C-alpha atoms as a PDB file:
ATOM      1  CA  LYS A   1       0.135  -0.004  -0.308  1.00  0.00           C
ATOM      2  CA  PRO A   2       1.051   3.744  -0.775  1.00  0.00           C
ATOM      3  CA  ASN A   3       2.640   5.164   2.514  1.00  0.00           C
ATOM      4  CA  ARG A   4       0.448   7.813   2.540  1.00  0.00           C
ATOM      5  CA  THR A   5      -2.490   5.203   3.566  1.00  0.00           C
ATOM      6  CA  LEU A   6      -0.396   4.147   6.857  1.00  0.00           C
ATOM      7  CA  LEU A   7       0.310   7.608   7.963  1.00  0.00           C
ATOM      8  CA  PRO A   8      -2.906   8.142  10.016  1.00  0.00           C
ATOM      9  CA  MET A   9      -2.495   4.775  11.906  1.00  0.00           C
ATOM     10  CA  ILE A  10       1.468   5.400  12.574  1.00  0.00           C
ATOM     11  CA  GLU A  11       0.411   8.883  13.984  1.00  0.00           C
ATOM     12  CA  ARG A  12      -2.150   7.443  16.055  1.00  0.00           C
ATOM     13  CA  SER A  13      -0.143   5.112  17.360  1.00  0.00           C
ATOM     14  CA  GLU A  14       2.396   7.556  18.062  1.00  0.00           C
ATOM     15  CA  HIS A  15       0.162   9.682  20.081  1.00  0.00           C
ATOM     16  CA  GLN A  16      -1.207   6.716  21.888  1.00  0.00           C
ATOM     17  CA  LEU A  17       2.326   5.876  22.657  1.00  0.00           C
ATOM     18  CA  LEU A  18       3.470   9.598  23.959  1.00  0.00           C
ATOM     19  CA  GLN A  19       0.086   9.698  26.051  1.00  0.00           C
ATOM     20  CA  GLY A  20       1.217   6.028  27.651  1.00  0.00           C
ATOM     21  CA  ALA A  21       4.745   7.023  28.073  1.00  0.00           C
ATOM     22  CA  ALA A  22       3.350  11.089  29.900  1.00  0.00           C
ATOM     23  CA  LEU A  23       0.982   8.664  32.020  1.00  0.00           C
ATOM     24  CA  LEU A  24       3.822   6.592  33.019  1.00  0.00           C
ATOM     25  CA  LEU A  25       6.134   9.352  33.649  1.00  0.00           C
ATOM     26  CA  PHE A  26       3.627  11.190  35.499  1.00  0.00           C
ATOM     27  CA  ILE A  27       2.856   7.951  37.835  1.00  0.00           C
ATOM     28  CA  SER A  28       6.583   7.211  38.470  1.00  0.00           C
ATOM     29  CA  LEU A  29       7.357  11.224  39.276  1.00  0.00           C
ATOM     30  CA  LEU A  30       4.118  10.858  41.916  1.00  0.00           C
ATOM     31  CA  ILE A  31       5.455   7.475  43.483  1.00  0.00           C
ATOM     32  CA  GLY A  32       9.186   9.306  43.961  1.00  0.00           C
ATOM     33  CA  THR A  33       7.467  12.348  45.303  1.00  0.00           C
ATOM     34  CA  LEU A  34       5.609  10.671  47.891  1.00  0.00           C
ATOM     35  CA  LEU A  35       8.485   8.265  48.813  1.00  0.00           C
ATOM     36  CA  VAL A  36      10.736  11.130  49.413  1.00  0.00           C
ATOM     37  CA  TRP A  37       7.970  12.734  51.180  1.00  0.00           C
ATOM     38  CA  TRP A  38       7.673   9.707  53.156  1.00  0.00           C
ATOM     39  CA  LEU A  39      11.401   9.513  53.938  1.00  0.00           C
ATOM     40  CA  ASN A  40      11.497  13.108  54.914  1.00  0.00           C
ATOM     41  CA  ARG A  41       8.508  12.729  57.487  1.00  0.00           C
ATOM     42  CA  ALA A  42      10.288   9.480  58.863  1.00  0.00           C
ATOM     43  CA  ILE A  43      13.781  11.099  58.980  1.00  0.00           C
ATOM     44  CA  GLY A  44      12.139  14.005  60.562  1.00  0.00           C
ATOM     45  CA  LYS A  45      10.432  12.523  63.187  1.00  0.00           C
ATOM     46  CA  LEU A  46      13.649  10.680  64.407  1.00  0.00           C
ATOM     47  CA  VAL A  47      15.566  14.465  63.939  1.00  0.00           C
ATOM     48  CA  HIS A  48      12.748  15.903  66.693  1.00  0.00           C
ATOM     49  CA  TYR A  49      13.365  12.935  68.687  1.00  0.00           C
ATOM     50  CA  ALA A  50      17.013  13.441  68.778  1.00  0.00           C
ATOM     51  CA  ASP A  51      16.468  17.159  69.084  1.00  0.00           C
ATOM     52  CA  ALA A  52      14.125  16.433  72.311  1.00  0.00           C
ATOM     53  CA  VAL A  53      16.403  14.244  73.876  1.00  0.00           C
ATOM     54  CA  SER A  54      19.384  16.375  73.309  1.00  0.00           C
ATOM     55  CA  GLN A  55      17.631  19.405  75.033  1.00  0.00           C
ATOM     56  CA  GLY A  56      16.209  17.211  78.119  1.00  0.00           C
ATOM     57  CA  GLN A  57      12.599  16.880  76.824  1.00  0.00           C
ATOM     58  CA  PRO A  58      10.490  14.274  77.539  1.00  0.00           C
ATOM     59  CA  ALA A  59      10.341  12.373  73.963  1.00  0.00           C
ATOM     60  CA  ASN A  60       9.033   8.618  72.847  1.00  0.00           C
ATOM     61  CA  LEU A  61      10.280   6.696  69.937  1.00  0.00           C
ATOM     62  CA  PRO A  62       7.925   7.486  66.838  1.00  0.00           C
ATOM     63  CA  ARG A  63       6.560   4.932  64.689  1.00  0.00           C
ATOM     64  CA  LEU A  64       8.129   5.091  61.308  1.00  0.00           C
ATOM     65  CA  HIS A  65       6.374   2.401  59.716  1.00  0.00           C
ATOM     66  CA  SER A  66       9.305   0.890  58.300  1.00  0.00           C
ATOM     67  CA  PRO A  67      11.458  -2.333  59.400  1.00  0.00           C
ATOM     68  CA  GLU A  68      14.984  -0.710  58.430  1.00  0.00           C
ATOM     69  CA  LEU A  69      13.880   2.731  60.003  1.00  0.00           C
ATOM     70  CA  ASP A  70      12.334   1.269  62.855  1.00  0.00           C
ATOM     71  CA  ARG A  71      15.409  -0.767  63.504  1.00  0.00           C
ATOM     72  CA  LEU A  72      17.362   2.503  63.147  1.00  0.00           C
ATOM     73  CA  GLY A  73      15.467   4.104  66.042  1.00  0.00           C
ATOM     74  CA  HIS A  74      15.613   1.528  68.523  1.00  0.00           C
ATOM     75  CA  SER A  75      19.358   1.670  67.816  1.00  0.00           C
ATOM     76  CA  LEU A  76      18.900   5.347  68.563  1.00  0.00           C
ATOM     77  CA  GLU A  77      17.058   4.656  71.323  1.00  0.00           C
ATOM     78  CA  THR A  78      19.131   2.132  73.007  1.00  0.00           C
ATOM     79  CA  MET A  79      22.335   4.281  72.465  1.00  0.00           C
ATOM     80  CA  ARG A  80      20.420   7.076  74.319  1.00  0.00           C
ATOM     81  CA  ARG A  81      19.638   4.980  77.227  1.00  0.00           C
ATOM     82  CA  GLN A  82      23.152   3.622  77.602  1.00  0.00           C
ATOM     83  CA  LEU A  83      24.673   7.353  77.391  1.00  0.00           C
ATOM     84  CA  ASP A  84      22.034   8.687  79.674  1.00  0.00           C
ATOM     85  CA  GLY A  85      22.859   6.198  82.153  1.00  0.00           C
ATOM     86  CA  LYS A  86      26.524   6.535  81.993  1.00  0.00           C
ATOM     87  CA  SER A  87      26.509  10.738  82.488  1.00  0.00           C
ATOM     88  CA  TYR A  88      24.018  10.354  84.686  1.00  0.00           C
ATOM     89  CA  ILE A  89      25.876   8.450  87.324  1.00  0.00           C
ATOM     90  CA  GLU A  90      29.089  10.016  86.487  1.00  0.00           C
ATOM     91  CA  ALA A  91      27.100  13.435  87.289  1.00  0.00           C
ATOM     92  CA  TYR A  92      25.527  11.974  90.623  1.00  0.00           C
ATOM     93  CA  VAL A  93      28.706  10.807  91.611  1.00  0.00           C
ATOM     94  CA  HIS A  94      30.627  13.873  90.835  1.00  0.00           C
ATOM     95  CA  SER A  95      27.813  16.047  92.300  1.00  0.00           C
ATOM     96  CA  LEU A  96      27.773  13.893  95.651  1.00  0.00           C
ATOM     97  CA  THR A  97      31.328  13.933  96.514  1.00  0.00           C
ATOM     98  CA  HIS A  98      31.346  17.453  96.153  1.00  0.00           C
ATOM     99  CA  GLU A  99      28.427  17.894  98.791  1.00  0.00           C
ATOM    100  CA  LEU A 100      29.862  15.658 101.217  1.00  0.00           C
ATOM    101  CA  LYS A 101      33.039  17.196 101.705  1.00  0.00           C
ATOM    102  CA  SER A 102      32.212  20.377 103.629  1.00  0.00           C
ATOM    103  CA  PRO A 103      30.320  18.209 106.172  1.00  0.00           C
ATOM    104  CA  LEU A 104      33.118  15.248 106.180  1.00  0.00           C
ATOM    105  CA  ALA A 105      35.689  18.014 106.889  1.00  0.00           C
ATOM    106  CA  ALA A 106      33.807  19.230 109.554  1.00  0.00           C
ATOM    107  CA  ILE A 107      33.400  16.170 111.118  1.00  0.00           C
ATOM    108  CA  ARG A 108      36.896  15.336 110.811  1.00  0.00           C
ATOM    109  CA  GLY A 109      38.173  18.758 112.530  1.00  0.00           C
ATOM    110  CA  ALA A 110      35.672  18.039 115.630  1.00  0.00           C
ATOM    111  CA  GLY A 111      36.750  14.653 115.588  1.00  0.00           C
ATOM    112  CA  GLU A 112      40.519  15.796 116.052  1.00  0.00           C
ATOM    113  CA  ILE A 113      39.771  18.297 118.669  1.00  0.00           C
ATOM    114  CA  LEU A 114      37.386  15.555 120.785  1.00  0.00           C
ATOM    115  CA  ALA A 115      40.519  13.398 120.721  1.00  0.00           C
ATOM    116  CA  GLU A 116      42.682  16.036 122.801  1.00  0.00           C
ATOM    117  CA  ALA A 117      40.095  16.003 125.055  1.00  0.00           C
ATOM    118  CA  PRO A 118      39.020  19.477 125.391  1.00  0.00           C
ATOM    119  CA  PRO A 119      36.687  20.835 128.421  1.00  0.00           C
ATOM    120  CA  PRO A 120      32.935  19.689 128.719  1.00  0.00           C
ATOM    121  CA  GLU A 121      31.571  22.469 127.543  1.00  0.00           C
ATOM    122  CA  VAL A 122      33.962  22.727 124.204  1.00  0.00           C
ATOM    123  CA  ALA A 123      33.118  18.884 123.833  1.00  0.00           C
ATOM    124  CA  ARG A 124      29.637  19.610 123.958  1.00  0.00           C
ATOM    125  CA  ARG A 125      29.761  22.237 121.197  1.00  0.00           C
ATOM    126  CA  PHE A 126      31.874  20.037 118.705  1.00  0.00           C
ATOM    127  CA  ILE A 127      29.485  16.844 119.115  1.00  0.00           C
ATOM    128  CA  GLY A 128      26.800  19.293 118.426  1.00  0.00           C
ATOM    129  CA  ASN A 129      28.404  20.444 115.362  1.00  0.00           C
ATOM    130  CA  ILE A 130      29.109  16.205 114.560  1.00  0.00           C
ATOM    131  CA  ASN A 131      25.086  15.332 114.836  1.00  0.00           C
ATOM    132  CA  LEU A 132      24.188  18.703 112.713  1.00  0.00           C
ATOM    133  CA  GLU A 133      26.521  17.544 110.139  1.00  0.00           C
ATOM    134  CA  THR A 134      25.888  13.912 109.950  1.00  0.00           C
ATOM    135  CA  ALA A 135      21.800  15.037 110.069  1.00  0.00           C
ATOM    136  CA  ARG A 136      23.311  17.257 107.013  1.00  0.00           C
ATOM    137  CA  MET A 137      24.887  14.217 105.122  1.00  0.00           C
ATOM    138  CA  GLN A 138      21.735  11.772 105.881  1.00  0.00           C
ATOM    139  CA  GLN A 139      19.610  14.523 104.200  1.00  0.00           C
ATOM    140  CA  LEU A 140      21.178  15.190 101.228  1.00  0.00           C
ATOM    141  CA  ILE A 141      21.699  11.434 100.939  1.00  0.00           C
ATOM    142  CA  GLU A 142      18.408  11.040 101.182  1.00  0.00           C
ATOM    143  CA  ARG A 143      17.321  13.752  99.187  1.00  0.00           C
ATOM    144  CA  MET A 144      19.358  12.508  96.102  1.00  0.00           C
ATOM    145  CA  LEU A 145      17.577   8.994  96.189  1.00  0.00           C
ATOM    146  CA  GLN A 146      14.496  10.635  96.060  1.00  0.00           C
ATOM    147  CA  LEU A 147      15.748  12.326  92.855  1.00  0.00           C
ATOM    148  CA  ALA A 148      17.562   9.914  91.313  1.00  0.00           C
ATOM    149  CA  ARG A 149      14.433   7.325  91.760  1.00  0.00           C
ATOM    150  CA  LEU A 150      12.316   9.972  90.296  1.00  0.00           C
ATOM    151  CA  GLU A 151      14.519  10.731  87.116  1.00  0.00           C
ATOM    152  CA  SER A 152      15.268   7.378  86.461  1.00  0.00           C
ATOM    153  CA  GLY A 153      12.624   5.356  87.592  1.00  0.00           C
ATOM    154  CA  PRO A 154       9.609   3.304  86.203  1.00  0.00           C
ATOM    155  CA  GLY A 155       7.468   6.329  85.454  1.00  0.00           C
ATOM    156  CA  LEU A 156       4.313   8.182  86.922  1.00  0.00           C
ATOM    157  CA  ASP A 157       1.817   6.213  89.071  1.00  0.00           C
ATOM    158  CA  ARG A 158      -1.136   8.320  87.822  1.00  0.00           C
ATOM    159  CA  GLN A 159      -4.392   8.278  89.815  1.00  0.00           C
ATOM    160  CA  ALA A 160      -7.657  10.207  89.609  1.00  0.00           C
ATOM    161  CA  VAL A 161      -7.294  12.979  92.190  1.00  0.00           C
ATOM    162  CA  ALA A 162      -8.674  16.580  93.064  1.00  0.00           C
ATOM    163  CA  PRO A 163      -5.777  19.131  92.824  1.00  0.00           C
ATOM    164  CA  ALA A 164      -7.752  21.545  95.920  1.00  0.00           C
ATOM    165  CA  THR A 165      -7.103  18.132  98.303  1.00  0.00           C
ATOM    166  CA  LEU A 166      -3.256  17.534  97.226  1.00  0.00           C
ATOM    167  CA  GLY A 167      -2.794  21.538  98.126  1.00  0.00           C
ATOM    168  CA  ARG A 168      -4.799  21.452 101.299  1.00  0.00           C
ATOM    169  CA  ARG A 169      -3.147  18.268 102.226  1.00  0.00           C
ATOM    170  CA  ALA A 170       0.726  19.677 101.725  1.00  0.00           C
ATOM    171  CA  LEU A 171      -0.631  22.624 103.678  1.00  0.00           C
ATOM    172  CA  ASP A 172      -1.873  21.049 106.546  1.00  0.00           C
ATOM    173  CA  ALA A 173       1.145  19.274 107.243  1.00  0.00           C
ATOM    174  CA  ARG A 174       3.234  22.661 107.553  1.00  0.00           C
ATOM    175  CA  GLN A 175       0.290  24.244 109.955  1.00  0.00           C
ATOM    176  CA  ILE A 176       2.727  23.259 113.428  1.00  0.00           C
ATOM    177  CA  VAL A 177       6.381  23.904 111.472  1.00  0.00           C
ATOM    178  CA  ALA A 178       4.540  27.465 110.452  1.00  0.00           C
ATOM    179  CA  ALA A 179       3.131  28.003 113.778  1.00  0.00           C
ATOM    180  CA  ARG A 180       6.655  27.600 115.378  1.00  0.00           C
ATOM    181  CA  ARG A 181       7.752  30.057 113.085  1.00  0.00           C
ATOM    182  CA  GLN A 182       5.214  32.863 113.819  1.00  0.00           C
ATOM    183  CA  VAL A 183       4.185  32.600 109.901  1.00  0.00           C
ATOM    184  CA  ALA A 184       0.181  32.552 108.725  1.00  0.00           C
ATOM    185  CA  LEU A 185      -0.322  30.074 106.100  1.00  0.00           C
ATOM    186  CA  GLY A 186      -3.993  30.613 103.791  1.00  0.00           C
ATOM    187  CA  ALA A 187      -5.226  28.700 100.972  1.00  0.00           C
ATOM    188  CA  GLU A 188      -7.557  30.062  98.397  1.00  0.00           C
ATOM    189  CA  LEU A 189      -7.361  26.526  96.304  1.00  0.00           C
ATOM    190  CA  ALA A 190     -10.754  26.174  93.570  1.00  0.00           C
ATOM    191  CA  ASP A 191     -12.305  23.150  93.186  1.00  0.00           C
ATOM    192  CA  ALA A 192     -11.321  21.370  90.070  1.00  0.00           C
ATOM    193  CA  PRO A 193     -11.965  17.881  87.934  1.00  0.00           C
ATOM    194  CA  ARG A 194     -10.307  15.145  89.323  1.00  0.00           C
ATOM    195  CA  GLN A 195      -6.717  14.912  87.212  1.00  0.00           C
ATOM    196  CA  LYS A 196      -4.580  11.754  86.746  1.00  0.00           C
ATOM    197  CA  TRP A 197      -1.372  12.748  88.093  1.00  0.00           C
ATOM    198  CA  ASP A 198       1.215  11.088  90.460  1.00  0.00           C
ATOM    199  CA  PRO A 199      -0.562  12.189  93.762  1.00  0.00           C
ATOM    200  CA  LEU A 200       2.415  11.508  95.729  1.00  0.00           C
ATOM    201  CA  LEU A 201       5.053  13.007  93.800  1.00  0.00           C
ATOM    202  CA  VAL A 202       2.766  16.373  93.311  1.00  0.00           C
ATOM    203  CA  GLU A 203       2.504  16.840  97.075  1.00  0.00           C
ATOM    204  CA  GLN A 204       5.740  16.404  97.407  1.00  0.00           C
ATOM    205  CA  ALA A 205       6.539  19.057  95.241  1.00  0.00           C
ATOM    206  CA  LEU A 206       3.780  21.537  96.660  1.00  0.00           C
ATOM    207  CA  GLY A 207       5.500  20.836  99.809  1.00  0.00           C
ATOM    208  CA  ASN A 208       9.046  21.558  98.769  1.00  0.00           C
ATOM    209  CA  LEU A 209       7.627  24.689  97.411  1.00  0.00           C
ATOM    210  CA  LEU A 210       6.100  25.346 100.986  1.00  0.00           C
ATOM    211  CA  ASP A 211       9.112  24.431 103.028  1.00  0.00           C
ATOM    212  CA  ASN A 212      11.396  26.558 100.556  1.00  0.00           C
ATOM    213  CA  ALA A 213       8.805  30.044 101.652  1.00  0.00           C
ATOM    214  CA  LEU A 214       8.543  29.225 104.994  1.00  0.00           C
ATOM    215  CA  ASP A 215      12.389  29.195 105.107  1.00  0.00           C
ATOM    216  CA  PHE A 216      12.327  32.515 103.883  1.00  0.00           C
ATOM    217  CA  SER A 217       9.467  34.035 105.457  1.00  0.00           C
ATOM    218  CA  PRO A 218      10.026  36.452 108.307  1.00  0.00           C
ATOM    219  CA  ALA A 219       8.411  35.971 111.985  1.00  0.00           C
ATOM    220  CA  GLY A 220       4.671  37.629 111.481  1.00  0.00           C
ATOM    221  CA  GLY A 221       4.773  36.876 107.583  1.00  0.00           C
ATOM    222  CA  HIS A 222       2.180  35.515 105.458  1.00  0.00           C
ATOM    223  CA  ILE A 223       2.404  32.480 102.771  1.00  0.00           C
ATOM    224  CA  ARG A 224      -0.334  31.950 100.612  1.00  0.00           C
ATOM    225  CA  LEU A 225      -1.608  29.077  98.523  1.00  0.00           C
ATOM    226  CA  SER A 226      -3.952  29.142  96.062  1.00  0.00           C
ATOM    227  CA  GLY A 227      -5.184  27.313  92.551  1.00  0.00           C
ATOM    228  CA  ALA A 228      -7.007  27.554  90.001  1.00  0.00           C
ATOM    229  CA  MET A 229      -7.719  25.796  86.326  1.00  0.00           C
ATOM    230  CA  GLU A 230      -5.688  27.482  83.691  1.00  0.00           C
ATOM    231  CA  GLU A 231      -4.842  26.957  80.010  1.00  0.00           C
ATOM    232  CA  GLU A 232      -6.124  23.571  80.113  1.00  0.00           C
ATOM    233  CA  GLY A 233      -4.350  22.703  83.343  1.00  0.00           C
ATOM    234  CA  TYR A 234      -4.148  23.342  87.201  1.00  0.00           C
ATOM    235  CA  CYS A 235      -1.770  26.171  88.351  1.00  0.00           C
ATOM    236  CA  PHE A 236      -0.465  26.386  91.674  1.00  0.00           C
ATOM    237  CA  ARG A 237       0.514  29.370  93.190  1.00  0.00           C
ATOM    238  CA  VAL A 238       2.748  29.865  96.562  1.00  0.00           C
ATOM    239  CA  ARG A 239       3.352  33.480  97.680  1.00  0.00           C
ATOM    240  CA  ASP A 240       5.780  34.422 100.491  1.00  0.00           C
ATOM    241  CA  GLN A 241       6.948  37.640 102.074  1.00  0.00           C
ATOM    242  CA  GLY A 242      10.235  37.071 102.093  1.00  0.00           C
ATOM    243  CA  PRO A 243      13.653  39.020 100.871  1.00  0.00           C
ATOM    244  CA  GLY A 244      12.958  37.975  97.421  1.00  0.00           C
ATOM    245  CA  ILE A 245      15.858  35.988  95.265  1.00  0.00           C
ATOM    246  CA  PRO A 246      18.887  38.114  94.211  1.00  0.00           C
ATOM    247  CA  ASP A 247      19.335  38.978  90.414  1.00  0.00           C
ATOM    248  CA  TYR A 248      22.278  36.883  90.405  1.00  0.00           C
ATOM    249  CA  ALA A 249      20.838  33.453  91.902  1.00  0.00           C
ATOM    250  CA  LEU A 250      17.309  33.798  89.631  1.00  0.00           C
ATOM    251  CA  PRO A 251      19.046  31.728  86.597  1.00  0.00           C
ATOM    252  CA  ARG A 252      20.324  29.123  88.645  1.00  0.00           C
ATOM    253  CA  ILE A 253      17.183  28.374  91.654  1.00  0.00           C
ATOM    254  CA  PHE A 254      17.058  25.305  89.755  1.00  0.00           C
ATOM    255  CA  GLU A 255      20.198  23.648  89.415  1.00  0.00           C
ATOM    256  CA  ARG A 256      21.052  20.487  91.947  1.00  0.00           C
ATOM    257  CA  PHE A 257      23.045  21.787  95.146  1.00  0.00           C
ATOM    258  CA  TYR A 258      22.158  25.318  94.106  1.00  0.00           C
ATOM    259  CA  SER A 259      20.968  27.183  97.623  1.00  0.00           C
ATOM    260  CA  LEU A 260      20.961  30.520  99.391  1.00  0.00           C
ATOM    261  CA  PRO A 261      21.675  30.766 103.257  1.00  0.00           C
ATOM    262  CA  ARG A 262      18.723  30.395 105.546  1.00  0.00           C
ATOM    263  CA  PRO A 263      17.973  32.945 107.791  1.00  0.00           C
ATOM    264  CA  ASP A 264      18.146  30.388 110.318  1.00  0.00           C
ATOM    265  CA  LYS A 265      19.492  27.416 109.805  1.00  0.00           C
ATOM    266  CA  GLY A 266      21.972  28.005 106.810  1.00  0.00           C
ATOM    267  CA  LYS A 267      21.980  26.500 103.521  1.00  0.00           C
ATOM    268  CA  SER A 268      19.569  23.384 102.681  1.00  0.00           C
ATOM    269  CA  SER A 269      20.361  20.437 100.440  1.00  0.00           C
ATOM    270  CA  GLY A 270      19.874  22.646  97.592  1.00  0.00           C
ATOM    271  CA  LEU A 271      17.728  19.838  95.897  1.00  0.00           C
ATOM    272  CA  GLY A 272      13.834  20.416  96.727  1.00  0.00           C
ATOM    273  CA  LEU A 273      13.520  22.933  93.815  1.00  0.00           C
ATOM    274  CA  SER A 274      15.340  20.633  91.332  1.00  0.00           C
ATOM    275  CA  PHE A 275      12.878  17.885  92.396  1.00  0.00           C
ATOM    276  CA  ALA A 276       9.402  19.979  92.096  1.00  0.00           C
ATOM    277  CA  ALA A 277      10.537  20.969  88.379  1.00  0.00           C
ATOM    278  CA  GLU A 278      11.526  17.544  87.650  1.00  0.00           C
ATOM    279  CA  VAL A 279       7.855  16.799  88.595  1.00  0.00           C
ATOM    280  CA  ALA A 280       6.198  19.282  86.652  1.00  0.00           C
ATOM    281  CA  ARG A 281       8.368  18.167  83.749  1.00  0.00           C
ATOM    282  CA  GLN A 282       7.455  14.929  84.083  1.00  0.00           C
ATOM    283  CA  HIS A 283       4.180  15.385  83.958  1.00  0.00           C
ATOM    284  CA  GLY A 284       4.572  17.527  81.009  1.00  0.00           C
ATOM    285  CA  GLY A 285       4.081  21.237  83.425  1.00  0.00           C
ATOM    286  CA  ARG A 286       6.203  23.923  84.152  1.00  0.00           C
ATOM    287  CA  LEU A 287       7.645  25.094  87.381  1.00  0.00           C
ATOM    288  CA  THR A 288       8.694  29.164  87.544  1.00  0.00           C
ATOM    289  CA  LEU A 289       9.996  31.562  90.521  1.00  0.00           C
ATOM    290  CA  GLY A 290      10.065  35.341  90.257  1.00  0.00           C
ATOM    291  CA  ASN A 291      10.552  37.956  92.812  1.00  0.00           C
ATOM    292  CA  GLN A 292       6.893  40.134  93.092  1.00  0.00           C
ATOM    293  CA  PRO A 293       7.025  44.038  92.660  1.00  0.00           C
ATOM    294  CA  GLU A 294       5.315  43.947  96.453  1.00  0.00           C
ATOM    295  CA  GLY A 295       8.209  42.262  97.760  1.00  0.00           C
ATOM    296  CA  GLY A 296       8.614  38.474  98.155  1.00  0.00           C
ATOM    297  CA  VAL A 297       8.685  35.358  95.683  1.00  0.00           C
ATOM    298  CA  LEU A 298       5.825  33.627  93.474  1.00  0.00           C
ATOM    299  CA  ALA A 299       6.290  30.104  92.853  1.00  0.00           C
ATOM    300  CA  GLU A 300       3.797  28.659  90.112  1.00  0.00           C
ATOM    301  CA  LEU A 301       3.467  25.326  88.931  1.00  0.00           C
ATOM    302  CA  TRP A 302       1.518  24.254  86.430  1.00  0.00           C
ATOM    303  CA  LEU A 303       0.168  20.851  85.237  1.00  0.00           C
ATOM    304  CA  PRO A 304      -1.305  20.079  82.234  1.00  0.00           C
ATOM    305  CA  THR A 305      -5.323  18.247  83.011  1.00  0.00           C
ATOM    306  CA  GLY A 306      -4.310  14.430  82.421  1.00  0.00           C
END
């Protein structure tokens, strides 16, 4: 047949081939784009997880829905736990060694003086120093063990609890100490739905904030504990009428073992605020301290609804 009779069929075939090639190319590009988006999304989850871990924030290993990427994520999680455990132990041993130096030196010095058989009144004074320093060491070790259990323990024991009940319980436990120091305690705790918190830890955190306020409150002062629902959570506030926090100490108030001198008993263990901040962090909340314009310190413990 003449070539011109075959040209329409050839043109139709070329057109169909071009359409098929274009469709195949589009499908290939679409599959490639989806694959790249899925890989970037999975890697982004791992990057977000690594950033959260490096900043000390609570983070759960994401599900990546890929055997290879899931294996990579589990390897990163295992490495993180091993490194955390090693650095955790090193930091605690270093901190404990540093903090025990002072009381041990005081006990050793008192023992050397007592070995020389001093007069009874001198001996009684140095025996009192030994008792005071041993009590301080015991409190320090107990606080460190408590904080270590919280940071590396199995997790929170969440139970349904009324926030106002926790606040009143922590306040009532300190009425005797407050009366002895001539400090008035008051509460304005708004009722709220029961929350899924760890009641023991939250009550201890509130107790630490109240103890801190009592340590710095002058005789005749007033401490007020208030609480109300705010920002999809419950916020406890502790206000005192103490001297406030010096500007140089504000950036360090949550550091372990950092403590300002108390008016009547020297320095504390420096672990109370660290413990309260860790309780807030594990619940997904926050703890802030700041000076009030009218004087004193305002502590705010906000915990999300659970």
